[in-house]
Amino acid sequence: MTTVLDFLAKGGPVMVPILGCSVLTIATALERSLFWTKLLRREDQVVSDVLDASRRDLSQAAAIATQAQDLPIGRFLLAPLRLKQPSPDTFRLAMETAGDREFVKMRRGDKILETIVAVAPLLGLLGTVTGLIATFGNLNIGGGGTGEQASAAAAGIGEALITTAAGMVVAIIALLVFRVMVTLQAQQIDYFSDAGNELELIYRQYWYEPSLSIDPNHRPDLVTSPKPMERL
């Protein structure tokens, strides 16, 4: 612990905001790790259960999605299922609106990491520059400095470079975390799209189109009790 504190002290006052950036990076990484672990562990089962139930009973499918409201995919699937006899266009619009809302939540933390990636190296350079200014200001160039003074100057330059190294390390870690998050978000967009298309297809095939065949003059807003398509 003492070694770490000594290292931070050698970097000067600029090490304080760099340390703050590192804490924010670690906190964001941990929070997002818990979020994605919980989501990826359960979402396949939730989607499978909702799609299977939607072929038999939309109310049952909505109940399953309601129980999974703590997950983005649960809220996404519940949005159209909670509607009463919607048209296919309304069904899709409800899913798209819910999807956009969930994707915004998935991007939580992105702005913090982007800022750290940009600011941390600059803070490191700032610490190095201020350290070099202080080091050269203490040199007695015209007074025939001794070898000890030259060694002290070299040590001061080395200490000044600590902030640059620290800033770059923090920025690299933040960038890696950010890229992993972006990759997961892109995968979820495709996954939500596939699940939503499958749910919409089931609604059309099992509920909406059979109601049209029963009543040729059917109007979507006048549906009272759609029946699932009978199996052969």
C-alpha atoms as a PDB file:
ATOM      1  CA  MET A   1       0.000   0.000   0.000  1.00  0.00           C
ATOM      2  CA  THR A   2       2.864   2.342   0.859  1.00  0.00           C
ATOM      3  CA  THR A   3       4.505   1.655  -2.493  1.00  0.00           C
ATOM      4  CA  VAL A   4       1.315   2.582  -4.350  1.00  0.00           C
ATOM      5  CA  LEU A   5       0.941   5.806  -2.387  1.00  0.00           C
ATOM      6  CA  ASP A   6       4.580   6.680  -3.028  1.00  0.00           C
ATOM      7  CA  PHE A   7       4.058   6.060  -6.733  1.00  0.00           C
ATOM      8  CA  LEU A   8       1.018   8.346  -6.795  1.00  0.00           C
ATOM      9  CA  ALA A   9       2.864  11.023  -4.828  1.00  0.00           C
ATOM     10  CA  LYS A  10       5.735  11.009  -7.325  1.00  0.00           C
ATOM     11  CA  GLY A  11       3.304  11.822 -10.119  1.00  0.00           C
ATOM     12  CA  GLY A  12       2.280  15.077  -8.500  1.00  0.00           C
ATOM     13  CA  PRO A  13      -1.171  16.629  -8.098  1.00  0.00           C
ATOM     14  CA  VAL A  14      -2.282  15.640 -11.618  1.00  0.00           C
ATOM     15  CA  MET A  15      -2.312  12.026 -10.456  1.00  0.00           C
ATOM     16  CA  VAL A  16      -5.447  12.798  -8.432  1.00  0.00           C
ATOM     17  CA  PRO A  17      -7.789  13.257 -11.445  1.00  0.00           C
ATOM     18  CA  ILE A  18      -6.059  10.348 -13.209  1.00  0.00           C
ATOM     19  CA  LEU A  19      -6.799   8.200 -10.169  1.00  0.00           C
ATOM     20  CA  GLY A  20     -10.400   9.425 -10.284  1.00  0.00           C
ATOM     21  CA  CYS A  21     -10.630   8.361 -13.928  1.00  0.00           C
ATOM     22  CA  SER A  22      -9.343   4.921 -13.022  1.00  0.00           C
ATOM     23  CA  VAL A  23     -11.945   4.569 -10.273  1.00  0.00           C
ATOM     24  CA  LEU A  24     -14.736   5.583 -12.656  1.00  0.00           C
ATOM     25  CA  THR A  25     -13.478   3.108 -15.248  1.00  0.00           C
ATOM     26  CA  ILE A  26     -13.410   0.227 -12.778  1.00  0.00           C
ATOM     27  CA  ALA A  27     -16.818   1.122 -11.326  1.00  0.00           C
ATOM     28  CA  THR A  28     -18.385   1.344 -14.789  1.00  0.00           C
ATOM     29  CA  ALA A  29     -16.799  -1.931 -15.854  1.00  0.00           C
ATOM     30  CA  LEU A  30     -18.113  -3.733 -12.765  1.00  0.00           C
ATOM     31  CA  GLU A  31     -21.628  -2.305 -13.076  1.00  0.00           C
ATOM     32  CA  ARG A  32     -21.850  -3.159 -16.773  1.00  0.00           C
ATOM     33  CA  SER A  33     -20.406  -6.629 -16.158  1.00  0.00           C
ATOM     34  CA  LEU A  34     -23.195  -7.385 -13.688  1.00  0.00           C
ATOM     35  CA  PHE A  35     -25.772  -6.008 -16.126  1.00  0.00           C
ATOM     36  CA  TRP A  36     -24.592  -8.061 -19.104  1.00  0.00           C
ATOM     37  CA  THR A  37     -24.014 -11.231 -17.085  1.00  0.00           C
ATOM     38  CA  LYS A  38     -27.570 -11.138 -15.752  1.00  0.00           C
ATOM     39  CA  LEU A  39     -29.000 -10.401 -19.194  1.00  0.00           C
ATOM     40  CA  LEU A  40     -27.047 -12.966 -21.207  1.00  0.00           C
ATOM     41  CA  ARG A  41     -27.640 -15.698 -18.640  1.00  0.00           C
ATOM     42  CA  ARG A  42     -31.450 -15.510 -18.761  1.00  0.00           C
ATOM     43  CA  GLU A  43     -32.576 -13.919 -22.006  1.00  0.00           C
ATOM     44  CA  ASP A  44     -32.522 -17.080 -24.162  1.00  0.00           C
ATOM     45  CA  GLN A  45     -34.846 -18.868 -21.752  1.00  0.00           C
ATOM     46  CA  VAL A  46     -37.180 -15.876 -21.513  1.00  0.00           C
ATOM     47  CA  VAL A  47     -37.449 -15.535 -25.291  1.00  0.00           C
ATOM     48  CA  SER A  48     -38.031 -19.258 -25.742  1.00  0.00           C
ATOM     49  CA  ASP A  49     -40.777 -19.344 -23.092  1.00  0.00           C
ATOM     50  CA  VAL A  50     -42.549 -16.250 -24.406  1.00  0.00           C
ATOM     51  CA  LEU A  51     -42.514 -17.426 -28.032  1.00  0.00           C
ATOM     52  CA  ASP A  52     -43.770 -20.903 -27.112  1.00  0.00           C
ATOM     53  CA  ALA A  53     -46.556 -19.510 -24.952  1.00  0.00           C
ATOM     54  CA  SER A  54     -47.585 -16.937 -27.561  1.00  0.00           C
ATOM     55  CA  ARG A  55     -48.555 -19.758 -29.932  1.00  0.00           C
ATOM     56  CA  ARG A  56     -51.101 -21.004 -27.401  1.00  0.00           C
ATOM     57  CA  ASP A  57     -52.210 -18.028 -25.345  1.00  0.00           C
ATOM     58  CA  LEU A  58     -51.144 -14.394 -25.603  1.00  0.00           C
ATOM     59  CA  SER A  59     -52.169 -13.756 -22.008  1.00  0.00           C
ATOM     60  CA  GLN A  60     -49.846 -16.497 -20.816  1.00  0.00           C
ATOM     61  CA  ALA A  61     -47.028 -15.089 -22.936  1.00  0.00           C
ATOM     62  CA  ALA A  62     -47.640 -11.640 -21.459  1.00  0.00           C
ATOM     63  CA  ALA A  63     -47.531 -13.111 -17.944  1.00  0.00           C
ATOM     64  CA  ILE A  64     -44.152 -14.720 -18.641  1.00  0.00           C
ATOM     65  CA  ALA A  65     -42.793 -11.468 -20.041  1.00  0.00           C
ATOM     66  CA  THR A  66     -44.147  -9.616 -17.009  1.00  0.00           C
ATOM     67  CA  GLN A  67     -42.165 -11.882 -14.700  1.00  0.00           C
ATOM     68  CA  ALA A  68     -39.020 -11.004 -16.699  1.00  0.00           C
ATOM     69  CA  GLN A  69     -39.500  -7.238 -16.548  1.00  0.00           C
ATOM     70  CA  ASP A  70     -36.187  -6.890 -14.742  1.00  0.00           C
ATOM     71  CA  LEU A  71     -34.521  -7.753 -18.072  1.00  0.00           C
ATOM     72  CA  PRO A  72     -34.512  -5.558 -21.182  1.00  0.00           C
ATOM     73  CA  ILE A  73     -35.725  -8.453 -23.337  1.00  0.00           C
ATOM     74  CA  GLY A  74     -38.660  -9.020 -20.985  1.00  0.00           C
ATOM     75  CA  ARG A  75     -39.790  -5.401 -21.219  1.00  0.00           C
ATOM     76  CA  PHE A  76     -39.262  -5.485 -24.981  1.00  0.00           C
ATOM     77  CA  LEU A  77     -41.507  -8.513 -25.505  1.00  0.00           C
ATOM     78  CA  LEU A  78     -44.104  -7.324 -23.025  1.00  0.00           C
ATOM     79  CA  ALA A  79     -44.690  -3.998 -24.812  1.00  0.00           C
ATOM     80  CA  PRO A  80     -46.774  -5.438 -27.710  1.00  0.00           C
ATOM     81  CA  LEU A  81     -48.268  -8.300 -25.692  1.00  0.00           C
ATOM     82  CA  ARG A  82     -49.938  -5.961 -23.207  1.00  0.00           C
ATOM     83  CA  LEU A  83     -51.936  -4.325 -26.034  1.00  0.00           C
ATOM     84  CA  LYS A  84     -55.528  -5.404 -26.672  1.00  0.00           C
ATOM     85  CA  GLN A  85     -56.101  -6.798 -30.170  1.00  0.00           C
ATOM     86  CA  PRO A  86     -53.575  -4.536 -31.912  1.00  0.00           C
ATOM     87  CA  SER A  87     -53.125  -4.390 -35.651  1.00  0.00           C
ATOM     88  CA  PRO A  88     -49.791  -5.729 -36.968  1.00  0.00           C
ATOM     89  CA  ASP A  89     -48.568  -2.164 -37.494  1.00  0.00           C
ATOM     90  CA  THR A  90     -49.406  -1.214 -33.915  1.00  0.00           C
ATOM     91  CA  PHE A  91     -47.833  -4.449 -32.684  1.00  0.00           C
ATOM     92  CA  ARG A  92     -44.577  -3.661 -34.485  1.00  0.00           C
ATOM     93  CA  LEU A  93     -44.607  -0.003 -33.419  1.00  0.00           C
ATOM     94  CA  ALA A  94     -44.889  -1.017 -29.768  1.00  0.00           C
ATOM     95  CA  MET A  95     -41.870  -3.307 -30.131  1.00  0.00           C
ATOM     96  CA  GLU A  96     -39.789  -0.694 -31.943  1.00  0.00           C
ATOM     97  CA  THR A  97     -40.550   1.934 -29.311  1.00  0.00           C
ATOM     98  CA  ALA A  98     -39.669  -0.425 -26.471  1.00  0.00           C
ATOM     99  CA  GLY A  99     -36.513  -1.533 -28.276  1.00  0.00           C
ATOM    100  CA  ASP A 100     -35.286   2.027 -28.731  1.00  0.00           C
ATOM    101  CA  ARG A 101     -35.888   2.687 -25.041  1.00  0.00           C
ATOM    102  CA  GLU A 102     -33.945  -0.411 -23.986  1.00  0.00           C
ATOM    103  CA  PHE A 103     -31.023   0.301 -26.318  1.00  0.00           C
ATOM    104  CA  VAL A 104     -30.599   3.696 -24.679  1.00  0.00           C
ATOM    105  CA  LYS A 105     -30.336   1.982 -21.286  1.00  0.00           C
ATOM    106  CA  MET A 106     -27.804  -0.494 -22.665  1.00  0.00           C
ATOM    107  CA  ARG A 107     -25.541   2.386 -23.668  1.00  0.00           C
ATOM    108  CA  ARG A 108     -25.319   3.629 -20.087  1.00  0.00           C
ATOM    109  CA  GLY A 109     -21.697   4.282 -19.218  1.00  0.00           C
ATOM    110  CA  ASP A 110     -20.551   4.785 -22.814  1.00  0.00           C
ATOM    111  CA  LYS A 111     -20.182   8.551 -22.459  1.00  0.00           C
ATOM    112  CA  ILE A 112     -18.150   8.189 -19.267  1.00  0.00           C
ATOM    113  CA  LEU A 113     -15.735   5.766 -20.905  1.00  0.00           C
ATOM    114  CA  GLU A 114     -15.453   7.870 -24.059  1.00  0.00           C
ATOM    115  CA  THR A 115     -14.603  10.908 -21.947  1.00  0.00           C
ATOM    116  CA  ILE A 116     -11.978   8.999 -19.960  1.00  0.00           C
ATOM    117  CA  VAL A 117     -10.378   7.654 -23.141  1.00  0.00           C
ATOM    118  CA  ALA A 118      -9.982  11.218 -24.404  1.00  0.00           C
ATOM    119  CA  VAL A 119      -9.092  12.994 -21.150  1.00  0.00           C
ATOM    120  CA  ALA A 120      -6.782  10.536 -19.341  1.00  0.00           C
ATOM    121  CA  PRO A 121      -3.851  10.801 -21.816  1.00  0.00           C
ATOM    122  CA  LEU A 122      -4.165  14.590 -21.820  1.00  0.00           C
ATOM    123  CA  LEU A 123      -4.023  14.657 -18.030  1.00  0.00           C
ATOM    124  CA  GLY A 124      -0.914  12.495 -18.207  1.00  0.00           C
ATOM    125  CA  LEU A 125       0.741  14.896 -20.625  1.00  0.00           C
ATOM    126  CA  LEU A 126      -0.252  17.827 -18.443  1.00  0.00           C
ATOM    127  CA  GLY A 127       1.374  16.206 -15.430  1.00  0.00           C
ATOM    128  CA  THR A 128       4.536  15.527 -17.414  1.00  0.00           C
ATOM    129  CA  VAL A 129       4.761  19.088 -18.695  1.00  0.00           C
ATOM    130  CA  THR A 130       4.244  20.635 -15.267  1.00  0.00           C
ATOM    131  CA  GLY A 131       6.795  18.222 -13.799  1.00  0.00           C
ATOM    132  CA  LEU A 132       9.371  19.118 -16.438  1.00  0.00           C
ATOM    133  CA  ILE A 133       8.780  22.799 -15.867  1.00  0.00           C
ATOM    134  CA  ALA A 134       9.436  22.353 -12.153  1.00  0.00           C
ATOM    135  CA  THR A 135      12.519  20.217 -12.818  1.00  0.00           C
ATOM    136  CA  PHE A 136      14.147  22.623 -15.247  1.00  0.00           C
ATOM    137  CA  GLY A 137      13.243  25.525 -13.017  1.00  0.00           C
ATOM    138  CA  ASN A 138      15.370  24.012 -10.259  1.00  0.00           C
ATOM    139  CA  LEU A 139      18.413  23.468 -12.479  1.00  0.00           C
ATOM    140  CA  ASN A 140      21.348  25.810 -11.999  1.00  0.00           C
ATOM    141  CA  ILE A 141      22.571  25.682 -15.578  1.00  0.00           C
ATOM    142  CA  GLY A 142      24.786  28.756 -15.484  1.00  0.00           C
ATOM    143  CA  GLY A 143      26.290  28.017 -12.094  1.00  0.00           C
ATOM    144  CA  GLY A 144      28.202  24.888 -13.042  1.00  0.00           C
ATOM    145  CA  GLY A 145      25.896  22.312 -11.528  1.00  0.00           C
ATOM    146  CA  THR A 146      27.389  19.236  -9.946  1.00  0.00           C
ATOM    147  CA  GLY A 147      26.836  15.625 -10.909  1.00  0.00           C
ATOM    148  CA  GLU A 148      24.380  15.264  -8.039  1.00  0.00           C
ATOM    149  CA  GLN A 149      22.277  18.066  -9.471  1.00  0.00           C
ATOM    150  CA  ALA A 150      22.291  16.384 -12.870  1.00  0.00           C
ATOM    151  CA  SER A 151      21.201  13.090 -11.292  1.00  0.00           C
ATOM    152  CA  ALA A 152      18.437  14.876  -9.412  1.00  0.00           C
ATOM    153  CA  ALA A 153      17.277  16.472 -12.658  1.00  0.00           C
ATOM    154  CA  ALA A 154      17.199  13.083 -14.393  1.00  0.00           C
ATOM    155  CA  ALA A 155      15.201  11.650 -11.509  1.00  0.00           C
ATOM    156  CA  GLY A 156      12.781  14.572 -11.702  1.00  0.00           C
ATOM    157  CA  ILE A 157      12.251  13.977 -15.420  1.00  0.00           C
ATOM    158  CA  GLY A 158      11.600  10.303 -14.760  1.00  0.00           C
ATOM    159  CA  GLU A 159       9.027  11.130 -12.128  1.00  0.00           C
ATOM    160  CA  ALA A 160       7.368  13.622 -14.459  1.00  0.00           C
ATOM    161  CA  LEU A 161       6.852  10.880 -17.035  1.00  0.00           C
ATOM    162  CA  ILE A 162       4.907   8.784 -14.506  1.00  0.00           C
ATOM    163  CA  THR A 163       1.724  10.742 -15.169  1.00  0.00           C
ATOM    164  CA  THR A 164       1.944  10.107 -18.914  1.00  0.00           C
ATOM    165  CA  ALA A 165       2.296   6.383 -18.326  1.00  0.00           C
ATOM    166  CA  ALA A 166      -0.556   6.359 -15.811  1.00  0.00           C
ATOM    167  CA  GLY A 167      -2.850   8.343 -18.088  1.00  0.00           C
ATOM    168  CA  MET A 168      -2.187   6.028 -21.031  1.00  0.00           C
ATOM    169  CA  VAL A 169      -2.818   2.902 -18.926  1.00  0.00           C
ATOM    170  CA  VAL A 170      -6.155   4.241 -17.709  1.00  0.00           C
ATOM    171  CA  ALA A 171      -7.153   5.259 -21.251  1.00  0.00           C
ATOM    172  CA  ILE A 172      -6.252   1.833 -22.672  1.00  0.00           C
ATOM    173  CA  ILE A 173      -8.297   0.011 -20.031  1.00  0.00           C
ATOM    174  CA  ALA A 174     -11.268   2.320 -20.582  1.00  0.00           C
ATOM    175  CA  LEU A 175     -11.045   1.812 -24.352  1.00  0.00           C
ATOM    176  CA  LEU A 176     -11.015  -1.975 -23.996  1.00  0.00           C
ATOM    177  CA  VAL A 177     -14.065  -1.899 -21.723  1.00  0.00           C
ATOM    178  CA  PHE A 178     -15.843   0.458 -24.114  1.00  0.00           C
ATOM    179  CA  ARG A 179     -15.184  -1.736 -27.157  1.00  0.00           C
ATOM    180  CA  VAL A 180     -16.491  -4.832 -25.352  1.00  0.00           C
ATOM    181  CA  MET A 181     -19.657  -2.950 -24.428  1.00  0.00           C
ATOM    182  CA  VAL A 182     -20.193  -1.717 -27.984  1.00  0.00           C
ATOM    183  CA  THR A 183     -19.810  -5.265 -29.309  1.00  0.00           C
ATOM    184  CA  LEU A 184     -22.378  -6.603 -26.847  1.00  0.00           C
ATOM    185  CA  GLN A 185     -24.783  -3.803 -27.714  1.00  0.00           C
ATOM    186  CA  ALA A 186     -24.516  -4.600 -31.444  1.00  0.00           C
ATOM    187  CA  GLN A 187     -25.213  -8.272 -30.742  1.00  0.00           C
ATOM    188  CA  GLN A 188     -28.254  -7.365 -28.668  1.00  0.00           C
ATOM    189  CA  ILE A 189     -29.686  -5.202 -31.450  1.00  0.00           C
ATOM    190  CA  ASP A 190     -29.591  -8.201 -33.799  1.00  0.00           C
ATOM    191  CA  TYR A 191     -30.969 -10.493 -31.092  1.00  0.00           C
ATOM    192  CA  PHE A 192     -33.870  -8.163 -30.284  1.00  0.00           C
ATOM    193  CA  SER A 193     -34.638  -7.841 -33.985  1.00  0.00           C
ATOM    194  CA  ASP A 194     -34.783 -11.606 -34.485  1.00  0.00           C
ATOM    195  CA  ALA A 195     -36.928 -12.175 -31.395  1.00  0.00           C
ATOM    196  CA  GLY A 196     -39.261  -9.319 -32.303  1.00  0.00           C
ATOM    197  CA  ASN A 197     -39.706 -10.536 -35.877  1.00  0.00           C
ATOM    198  CA  GLU A 198     -40.480 -14.042 -34.632  1.00  0.00           C
ATOM    199  CA  LEU A 199     -43.055 -12.739 -32.152  1.00  0.00           C
ATOM    200  CA  GLU A 200     -44.699 -10.568 -34.801  1.00  0.00           C
ATOM    201  CA  LEU A 201     -44.845 -13.517 -37.206  1.00  0.00           C
ATOM    202  CA  ILE A 202     -46.508 -15.666 -34.560  1.00  0.00           C
ATOM    203  CA  TYR A 203     -49.050 -12.945 -33.858  1.00  0.00           C
ATOM    204  CA  ARG A 204     -49.901 -12.594 -37.538  1.00  0.00           C
ATOM    205  CA  GLN A 205     -50.052 -16.333 -38.236  1.00  0.00           C
ATOM    206  CA  TYR A 206     -51.795 -17.593 -35.117  1.00  0.00           C
ATOM    207  CA  TRP A 207     -54.016 -14.676 -34.109  1.00  0.00           C
ATOM    208  CA  TYR A 208     -54.491 -11.868 -36.604  1.00  0.00           C
ATOM    209  CA  GLU A 209     -54.896 -13.682 -39.925  1.00  0.00           C
ATOM    210  CA  PRO A 210     -57.242 -16.396 -38.571  1.00  0.00           C
ATOM    211  CA  SER A 211     -59.538 -13.664 -37.270  1.00  0.00           C
ATOM    212  CA  LEU A 212     -59.691 -12.217 -40.790  1.00  0.00           C
ATOM    213  CA  SER A 213     -60.698 -15.554 -42.283  1.00  0.00           C
ATOM    214  CA  ILE A 214     -63.492 -15.893 -39.736  1.00  0.00           C
ATOM    215  CA  ASP A 215     -64.883 -12.457 -40.550  1.00  0.00           C
ATOM    216  CA  PRO A 216     -64.049 -11.049 -44.039  1.00  0.00           C
ATOM    217  CA  ASN A 217     -65.357  -7.658 -42.918  1.00  0.00           C
ATOM    218  CA  HIS A 218     -63.039  -7.741 -39.916  1.00  0.00           C
ATOM    219  CA  ARG A 219     -61.627  -4.485 -38.672  1.00  0.00           C
ATOM    220  CA  PRO A 220     -58.589  -4.614 -36.345  1.00  0.00           C
ATOM    221  CA  ASP A 221     -60.132  -2.181 -33.897  1.00  0.00           C
ATOM    222  CA  LEU A 222     -63.278  -4.307 -33.542  1.00  0.00           C
ATOM    223  CA  VAL A 223     -61.662  -7.648 -32.718  1.00  0.00           C
ATOM    224  CA  THR A 224     -63.163  -9.090 -29.577  1.00  0.00           C
ATOM    225  CA  SER A 225     -61.711 -12.576 -29.134  1.00  0.00           C
ATOM    226  CA  PRO A 226     -59.115 -13.698 -31.674  1.00  0.00           C
ATOM    227  CA  LYS A 227     -58.743 -17.466 -31.897  1.00  0.00           C
ATOM    228  CA  PRO A 228     -55.430 -19.288 -32.465  1.00  0.00           C
ATOM    229  CA  MET A 229     -55.124 -20.997 -35.860  1.00  0.00           C
ATOM    230  CA  GLU A 230     -56.241 -24.594 -35.645  1.00  0.00           C
ATOM    231  CA  ARG A 231     -53.574 -27.150 -36.343  1.00  0.00           C
ATOM    232  CA  LEU A 232     -54.151 -29.891 -38.894  1.00  0.00           C
END
